[in-house]
Amino acid sequence: MTDYMIDKTAIRQQMRKRRSSLPAFRQHLASFALLRRILLHVSAIHRADRISFYLAQDGEIDLLPLMLHCFRQGRRCFLPVLGTMDDQKLNFAEWVPGMAMVKNRFGIPEPSVHTHQLSSAADMNLVFMPLVAFDDCGNRLGMGGGYYDRTLAAYCTPEIKHQNRFQHNGRCPRLVATAHDIQHVPELTRESWDVIPDITITPGRVIRPRCFSISF
């Protein structure tokens, strides 16, 4: 195991412990602070028709207030659904309050829908991505499964975004990473397969990548 792999493992352990230790009232305040900041700084959310969120686990910042707000505004809200063990990618299922859910192999609830009801990332206008750590350049460290990177790699790599920087290519959704402020680290190494969010938002920060940025 390389030193960097060891470092990533250590960062994941540290950050998961940090966010899980936040008391319930801090989590509650953070989720509503994030809601206000997203509505202010992510203009795409006011015009997007199909938005993918995630259900908070393991101390992740909670997007449920934002999901409910968007649902009440008439937006179609989606949640990620794990693919098979063979493809290791995400699909997306439409979510409505009170619908039947089922836990996936990691114990995370997903909408209980038939396969033909699933959508791809290319069908989304906006995708919210959880993370374990982030830095000032917009780099994102996930849980290590690589599901978002594999799902979005075909049309959301930094190079593709840079080539299409003057207009949305019609396939890659806008990508918004969300986290608690305490998940910030000074620097993360960017791997060649990493998909960089267009913007990273916390209750106290708004970070746009220094390279390959696309206007919101």
C-alpha atoms as a PDB file:
ATOM      1  CA  MET A   1       0.000   0.000   0.000  1.00  0.00           C
ATOM      2  CA  THR A   2       1.414   3.402  -1.016  1.00  0.00           C
ATOM      3  CA  ASP A   3       1.870   6.323   1.369  1.00  0.00           C
ATOM      4  CA  TYR A   4      -0.924   8.199  -0.405  1.00  0.00           C
ATOM      5  CA  MET A   5      -3.308   5.270  -0.040  1.00  0.00           C
ATOM      6  CA  ILE A   6      -2.467   5.217   3.654  1.00  0.00           C
ATOM      7  CA  ASP A   7      -3.052   8.974   3.829  1.00  0.00           C
ATOM      8  CA  LYS A   8      -6.454   8.641   2.131  1.00  0.00           C
ATOM      9  CA  THR A   9      -7.443   5.900   4.542  1.00  0.00           C
ATOM     10  CA  ALA A  10      -6.384   8.053   7.487  1.00  0.00           C
ATOM     11  CA  ILE A  11      -8.262  11.082   6.128  1.00  0.00           C
ATOM     12  CA  ARG A  12     -11.420   9.015   5.659  1.00  0.00           C
ATOM     13  CA  GLN A  13     -11.228   7.664   9.183  1.00  0.00           C
ATOM     14  CA  GLN A  14     -10.618  11.111  10.666  1.00  0.00           C
ATOM     15  CA  MET A  15     -13.337  12.894   8.707  1.00  0.00           C
ATOM     16  CA  ARG A  16     -15.961  10.213   9.248  1.00  0.00           C
ATOM     17  CA  LYS A  17     -15.280  10.429  12.959  1.00  0.00           C
ATOM     18  CA  ARG A  18     -15.525  14.230  12.884  1.00  0.00           C
ATOM     19  CA  ARG A  19     -18.843  14.416  11.101  1.00  0.00           C
ATOM     20  CA  SER A  20     -20.383  11.528  13.052  1.00  0.00           C
ATOM     21  CA  SER A  21     -19.509  13.269  16.306  1.00  0.00           C
ATOM     22  CA  LEU A  22     -21.609  16.330  15.443  1.00  0.00           C
ATOM     23  CA  PRO A  23     -24.608  16.528  17.798  1.00  0.00           C
ATOM     24  CA  ALA A  24     -28.106  16.391  16.335  1.00  0.00           C
ATOM     25  CA  PHE A  25     -28.775  20.114  16.791  1.00  0.00           C
ATOM     26  CA  ARG A  26     -25.578  20.990  14.881  1.00  0.00           C
ATOM     27  CA  GLN A  27     -26.603  18.664  12.075  1.00  0.00           C
ATOM     28  CA  HIS A  28     -30.040  20.275  11.970  1.00  0.00           C
ATOM     29  CA  LEU A  29     -28.665  23.814  11.842  1.00  0.00           C
ATOM     30  CA  ALA A  30     -26.099  22.840   9.210  1.00  0.00           C
ATOM     31  CA  SER A  31     -28.691  21.332   6.874  1.00  0.00           C
ATOM     32  CA  PHE A  32     -30.794  24.516   6.858  1.00  0.00           C
ATOM     33  CA  ALA A  33     -27.727  26.737   6.509  1.00  0.00           C
ATOM     34  CA  LEU A  34     -26.730  24.634   3.512  1.00  0.00           C
ATOM     35  CA  LEU A  35     -30.223  24.960   2.033  1.00  0.00           C
ATOM     36  CA  ARG A  36     -30.007  28.752   2.149  1.00  0.00           C
ATOM     37  CA  ARG A  37     -26.511  28.809   0.670  1.00  0.00           C
ATOM     38  CA  ILE A  38     -27.436  26.478  -2.197  1.00  0.00           C
ATOM     39  CA  LEU A  39     -30.502  28.528  -3.112  1.00  0.00           C
ATOM     40  CA  LEU A  40     -28.285  31.626  -3.151  1.00  0.00           C
ATOM     41  CA  HIS A  41     -25.232  30.296  -4.993  1.00  0.00           C
ATOM     42  CA  VAL A  42     -26.474  27.489  -7.279  1.00  0.00           C
ATOM     43  CA  SER A  43     -28.672  29.239  -9.821  1.00  0.00           C
ATOM     44  CA  ALA A  44     -29.166  25.967 -11.717  1.00  0.00           C
ATOM     45  CA  ILE A  45     -31.375  24.650  -8.937  1.00  0.00           C
ATOM     46  CA  HIS A  46     -34.031  27.231  -9.814  1.00  0.00           C
ATOM     47  CA  ARG A  47     -34.396  25.940 -13.375  1.00  0.00           C
ATOM     48  CA  ALA A  48     -33.422  22.251 -13.151  1.00  0.00           C
ATOM     49  CA  ASP A  49     -36.255  19.811 -13.812  1.00  0.00           C
ATOM     50  CA  ARG A  50     -34.537  16.614 -12.658  1.00  0.00           C
ATOM     51  CA  ILE A  51     -32.305  16.731  -9.593  1.00  0.00           C
ATOM     52  CA  SER A  52     -30.515  13.869  -7.870  1.00  0.00           C
ATOM     53  CA  PHE A  53     -29.907  14.107  -4.133  1.00  0.00           C
ATOM     54  CA  TYR A  54     -28.621  11.570  -1.606  1.00  0.00           C
ATOM     55  CA  LEU A  55     -29.840  10.353   1.769  1.00  0.00           C
ATOM     56  CA  ALA A  56     -27.398  11.319   4.514  1.00  0.00           C
ATOM     57  CA  GLN A  57     -25.527   8.458   6.188  1.00  0.00           C
ATOM     58  CA  ASP A  58     -22.686   8.235   8.655  1.00  0.00           C
ATOM     59  CA  GLY A  59     -22.858  11.908   9.644  1.00  0.00           C
ATOM     60  CA  GLU A  60     -23.121  13.321   6.113  1.00  0.00           C
ATOM     61  CA  ILE A  61     -24.802  16.695   5.868  1.00  0.00           C
ATOM     62  CA  ASP A  62     -28.544  16.204   5.424  1.00  0.00           C
ATOM     63  CA  LEU A  63     -30.147  17.272   2.143  1.00  0.00           C
ATOM     64  CA  LEU A  64     -33.708  16.372   3.143  1.00  0.00           C
ATOM     65  CA  PRO A  65     -34.771  20.009   3.769  1.00  0.00           C
ATOM     66  CA  LEU A  66     -33.470  20.886   0.300  1.00  0.00           C
ATOM     67  CA  MET A  67     -35.181  17.864  -1.258  1.00  0.00           C
ATOM     68  CA  LEU A  68     -38.518  18.796   0.277  1.00  0.00           C
ATOM     69  CA  HIS A  69     -38.120  22.409  -0.850  1.00  0.00           C
ATOM     70  CA  CYS A  70     -37.418  21.316  -4.426  1.00  0.00           C
ATOM     71  CA  PHE A  71     -40.289  18.821  -4.385  1.00  0.00           C
ATOM     72  CA  ARG A  72     -42.692  21.541  -3.264  1.00  0.00           C
ATOM     73  CA  GLN A  73     -41.374  23.734  -6.091  1.00  0.00           C
ATOM     74  CA  GLY A  74     -42.416  21.072  -8.599  1.00  0.00           C
ATOM     75  CA  ARG A  75     -38.932  19.689  -9.317  1.00  0.00           C
ATOM     76  CA  ARG A  76     -38.562  15.980  -9.997  1.00  0.00           C
ATOM     77  CA  CYS A  77     -36.326  14.604  -7.260  1.00  0.00           C
ATOM     78  CA  PHE A  78     -34.181  11.478  -7.641  1.00  0.00           C
ATOM     79  CA  LEU A  79     -31.973   9.300  -5.452  1.00  0.00           C
ATOM     80  CA  PRO A  80     -29.021   7.137  -6.518  1.00  0.00           C
ATOM     81  CA  VAL A  81     -29.574   3.399  -6.845  1.00  0.00           C
ATOM     82  CA  LEU A  82     -26.641   0.979  -6.858  1.00  0.00           C
ATOM     83  CA  GLY A  83     -26.103  -1.062  -9.974  1.00  0.00           C
ATOM     84  CA  THR A  84     -25.106  -4.692  -9.982  1.00  0.00           C
ATOM     85  CA  MET A  85     -21.828  -5.971  -8.599  1.00  0.00           C
ATOM     86  CA  ASP A  86     -20.646  -6.271 -12.220  1.00  0.00           C
ATOM     87  CA  ASP A  87     -21.002  -2.667 -13.370  1.00  0.00           C
ATOM     88  CA  GLN A  88     -20.451  -0.873 -10.009  1.00  0.00           C
ATOM     89  CA  LYS A  89     -22.259   2.253 -11.223  1.00  0.00           C
ATOM     90  CA  LEU A  90     -25.239   4.317 -10.136  1.00  0.00           C
ATOM     91  CA  ASN A  91     -28.646   4.692 -11.670  1.00  0.00           C
ATOM     92  CA  PHE A  92     -31.249   7.156 -10.416  1.00  0.00           C
ATOM     93  CA  ALA A  93     -34.823   6.572  -9.242  1.00  0.00           C
ATOM     94  CA  GLU A  94     -37.470   9.236  -8.785  1.00  0.00           C
ATOM     95  CA  TRP A  95     -38.344   9.943  -5.161  1.00  0.00           C
ATOM     96  CA  VAL A  96     -41.511  11.311  -3.594  1.00  0.00           C
ATOM     97  CA  PRO A  97     -42.169  11.715   0.144  1.00  0.00           C
ATOM     98  CA  GLY A  98     -43.521   8.572   1.780  1.00  0.00           C
ATOM     99  CA  MET A  99     -42.654   6.186  -1.046  1.00  0.00           C
ATOM    100  CA  ALA A 100     -41.513   2.610  -0.367  1.00  0.00           C
ATOM    101  CA  MET A 101     -37.779   2.237   0.192  1.00  0.00           C
ATOM    102  CA  VAL A 102     -35.452  -0.742   0.330  1.00  0.00           C
ATOM    103  CA  LYS A 103     -31.908  -0.959   1.716  1.00  0.00           C
ATOM    104  CA  ASN A 104     -29.071  -1.689  -0.697  1.00  0.00           C
ATOM    105  CA  ARG A 105     -26.067  -3.897   0.049  1.00  0.00           C
ATOM    106  CA  PHE A 106     -24.476  -1.084   2.070  1.00  0.00           C
ATOM    107  CA  GLY A 107     -27.605  -0.590   4.161  1.00  0.00           C
ATOM    108  CA  ILE A 108     -28.530   2.703   2.461  1.00  0.00           C
ATOM    109  CA  PRO A 109     -32.243   3.187   1.643  1.00  0.00           C
ATOM    110  CA  GLU A 110     -33.156   3.436  -2.045  1.00  0.00           C
ATOM    111  CA  PRO A 111     -36.517   3.908  -3.794  1.00  0.00           C
ATOM    112  CA  SER A 112     -38.189   0.565  -4.393  1.00  0.00           C
ATOM    113  CA  VAL A 113     -38.788   0.704  -8.157  1.00  0.00           C
ATOM    114  CA  HIS A 114     -38.578  -1.598 -11.152  1.00  0.00           C
ATOM    115  CA  THR A 115     -35.493  -1.530 -13.357  1.00  0.00           C
ATOM    116  CA  HIS A 116     -37.362   0.077 -16.249  1.00  0.00           C
ATOM    117  CA  GLN A 117     -38.128   3.066 -14.002  1.00  0.00           C
ATOM    118  CA  LEU A 118     -34.449   3.911 -13.487  1.00  0.00           C
ATOM    119  CA  SER A 119     -32.753   6.869 -15.147  1.00  0.00           C
ATOM    120  CA  SER A 120     -29.116   7.511 -15.996  1.00  0.00           C
ATOM    121  CA  ALA A 121     -26.890  10.377 -14.924  1.00  0.00           C
ATOM    122  CA  ALA A 122     -27.281  11.824 -18.408  1.00  0.00           C
ATOM    123  CA  ASP A 123     -30.988  12.303 -17.639  1.00  0.00           C
ATOM    124  CA  MET A 124     -30.229  14.501 -14.617  1.00  0.00           C
ATOM    125  CA  ASN A 125     -29.832  18.266 -14.772  1.00  0.00           C
ATOM    126  CA  LEU A 126     -28.192  18.533 -11.372  1.00  0.00           C
ATOM    127  CA  VAL A 127     -26.491  15.934  -9.154  1.00  0.00           C
ATOM    128  CA  PHE A 128     -25.634  16.444  -5.498  1.00  0.00           C
ATOM    129  CA  MET A 129     -22.633  14.392  -4.388  1.00  0.00           C
ATOM    130  CA  PRO A 130     -21.651  13.486  -0.823  1.00  0.00           C
ATOM    131  CA  LEU A 131     -18.000  13.429   0.177  1.00  0.00           C
ATOM    132  CA  VAL A 132     -15.637  12.585   3.017  1.00  0.00           C
ATOM    133  CA  ALA A 133     -13.167  15.451   2.518  1.00  0.00           C
ATOM    134  CA  PHE A 134     -12.606  18.422   0.201  1.00  0.00           C
ATOM    135  CA  ASP A 135      -9.892  21.014  -0.386  1.00  0.00           C
ATOM    136  CA  ASP A 136      -9.661  24.608  -1.624  1.00  0.00           C
ATOM    137  CA  CYS A 137      -9.214  23.498  -5.247  1.00  0.00           C
ATOM    138  CA  GLY A 138     -12.536  21.686  -5.342  1.00  0.00           C
ATOM    139  CA  ASN A 139     -11.022  18.212  -5.124  1.00  0.00           C
ATOM    140  CA  ARG A 140     -13.322  15.661  -3.527  1.00  0.00           C
ATOM    141  CA  LEU A 141     -12.470  12.534  -1.546  1.00  0.00           C
ATOM    142  CA  GLY A 142     -15.309  10.015  -1.447  1.00  0.00           C
ATOM    143  CA  MET A 143     -15.820   6.853   0.528  1.00  0.00           C
ATOM    144  CA  GLY A 144     -13.518   4.910  -1.776  1.00  0.00           C
ATOM    145  CA  GLY A 145     -16.084   2.940  -3.761  1.00  0.00           C
ATOM    146  CA  GLY A 146     -15.726   5.171  -6.825  1.00  0.00           C
ATOM    147  CA  TYR A 147     -19.420   4.950  -7.743  1.00  0.00           C
ATOM    148  CA  TYR A 148     -19.863   8.599  -8.716  1.00  0.00           C
ATOM    149  CA  ASP A 149     -16.550   8.672 -10.615  1.00  0.00           C
ATOM    150  CA  ARG A 150     -17.415   5.563 -12.636  1.00  0.00           C
ATOM    151  CA  THR A 151     -20.963   6.739 -13.285  1.00  0.00           C
ATOM    152  CA  LEU A 152     -19.937  10.171 -14.524  1.00  0.00           C
ATOM    153  CA  ALA A 153     -16.582   9.356 -16.145  1.00  0.00           C
ATOM    154  CA  ALA A 154     -17.945   9.042 -19.686  1.00  0.00           C
ATOM    155  CA  TYR A 155     -18.987  12.677 -19.933  1.00  0.00           C
ATOM    156  CA  CYS A 156     -17.962  14.605 -16.814  1.00  0.00           C
ATOM    157  CA  THR A 157     -14.173  14.363 -16.741  1.00  0.00           C
ATOM    158  CA  PRO A 158     -12.307  17.672 -16.323  1.00  0.00           C
ATOM    159  CA  GLU A 159     -10.982  17.438 -19.889  1.00  0.00           C
ATOM    160  CA  ILE A 160     -14.462  17.067 -21.385  1.00  0.00           C
ATOM    161  CA  LYS A 161     -15.763  19.953 -19.280  1.00  0.00           C
ATOM    162  CA  HIS A 162     -12.823  22.099 -20.363  1.00  0.00           C
ATOM    163  CA  GLN A 163     -13.475  21.334 -24.033  1.00  0.00           C
ATOM    164  CA  ASN A 164     -17.140  22.269 -23.576  1.00  0.00           C
ATOM    165  CA  ARG A 165     -16.568  25.173 -21.201  1.00  0.00           C
ATOM    166  CA  PHE A 166     -18.576  27.655 -23.315  1.00  0.00           C
ATOM    167  CA  GLN A 167     -21.753  25.601 -23.397  1.00  0.00           C
ATOM    168  CA  HIS A 168     -23.305  22.719 -21.487  1.00  0.00           C
ATOM    169  CA  ASN A 169     -22.733  19.547 -23.543  1.00  0.00           C
ATOM    170  CA  GLY A 170     -26.252  18.308 -22.808  1.00  0.00           C
ATOM    171  CA  ARG A 171     -25.105  15.094 -21.150  1.00  0.00           C
ATOM    172  CA  CYS A 172     -23.140  15.927 -18.028  1.00  0.00           C
ATOM    173  CA  PRO A 173     -25.328  17.265 -15.228  1.00  0.00           C
ATOM    174  CA  ARG A 174     -24.127  20.090 -13.051  1.00  0.00           C
ATOM    175  CA  LEU A 175     -22.291  18.527 -10.103  1.00  0.00           C
ATOM    176  CA  VAL A 176     -22.581  19.949  -6.588  1.00  0.00           C
ATOM    177  CA  ALA A 177     -20.598  18.436  -3.718  1.00  0.00           C
ATOM    178  CA  THR A 178     -21.865  19.124  -0.201  1.00  0.00           C
ATOM    179  CA  ALA A 179     -20.283  18.675   3.217  1.00  0.00           C
ATOM    180  CA  HIS A 180     -19.796  20.056   6.699  1.00  0.00           C
ATOM    181  CA  ASP A 181     -17.125  22.732   7.121  1.00  0.00           C
ATOM    182  CA  ILE A 182     -15.136  20.408   9.389  1.00  0.00           C
ATOM    183  CA  GLN A 183     -14.502  18.090   6.430  1.00  0.00           C
ATOM    184  CA  HIS A 184     -12.088  20.581   4.853  1.00  0.00           C
ATOM    185  CA  VAL A 185      -8.424  19.567   4.394  1.00  0.00           C
ATOM    186  CA  PRO A 186      -5.562  21.706   3.046  1.00  0.00           C
ATOM    187  CA  GLU A 187      -4.880  19.600  -0.038  1.00  0.00           C
ATOM    188  CA  LEU A 188      -5.997  16.421  -1.789  1.00  0.00           C
ATOM    189  CA  THR A 189      -4.179  14.707  -4.634  1.00  0.00           C
ATOM    190  CA  ARG A 190      -6.249  14.631  -7.817  1.00  0.00           C
ATOM    191  CA  GLU A 191      -6.320  11.248  -9.520  1.00  0.00           C
ATOM    192  CA  SER A 192      -6.755  10.896 -13.284  1.00  0.00           C
ATOM    193  CA  TRP A 193     -10.160   9.230 -12.842  1.00  0.00           C
ATOM    194  CA  ASP A 194     -11.547  11.808 -10.426  1.00  0.00           C
ATOM    195  CA  VAL A 195     -14.671  13.665 -11.496  1.00  0.00           C
ATOM    196  CA  ILE A 196     -14.408  17.195 -10.122  1.00  0.00           C
ATOM    197  CA  PRO A 197     -17.602  18.871  -8.860  1.00  0.00           C
ATOM    198  CA  ASP A 198     -18.563  22.153 -10.504  1.00  0.00           C
ATOM    199  CA  ILE A 199     -18.993  23.605  -7.054  1.00  0.00           C
ATOM    200  CA  THR A 200     -18.493  22.467  -3.452  1.00  0.00           C
ATOM    201  CA  ILE A 201     -20.775  24.003  -0.842  1.00  0.00           C
ATOM    202  CA  THR A 202     -20.805  23.821   2.937  1.00  0.00           C
ATOM    203  CA  PRO A 203     -22.686  25.971   5.445  1.00  0.00           C
ATOM    204  CA  GLY A 204     -19.699  28.344   5.475  1.00  0.00           C
ATOM    205  CA  ARG A 205     -17.899  27.880   2.159  1.00  0.00           C
ATOM    206  CA  VAL A 206     -18.464  28.068  -1.588  1.00  0.00           C
ATOM    207  CA  ILE A 207     -15.611  26.584  -3.626  1.00  0.00           C
ATOM    208  CA  ARG A 208     -15.372  26.529  -7.389  1.00  0.00           C
ATOM    209  CA  PRO A 209     -12.534  24.554  -9.012  1.00  0.00           C
ATOM    210  CA  ARG A 210      -9.555  26.612 -10.095  1.00  0.00           C
ATOM    211  CA  CYS A 211      -9.305  24.632 -13.312  1.00  0.00           C
ATOM    212  CA  PHE A 212     -11.946  23.300 -15.718  1.00  0.00           C
ATOM    213  CA  SER A 213     -14.715  25.328 -14.090  1.00  0.00           C
ATOM    214  CA  ILE A 214     -18.051  25.731 -15.819  1.00  0.00           C
ATOM    215  CA  SER A 215     -20.281  28.709 -15.210  1.00  0.00           C
ATOM    216  CA  PHE A 216     -23.406  28.127 -13.170  1.00  0.00           C
END
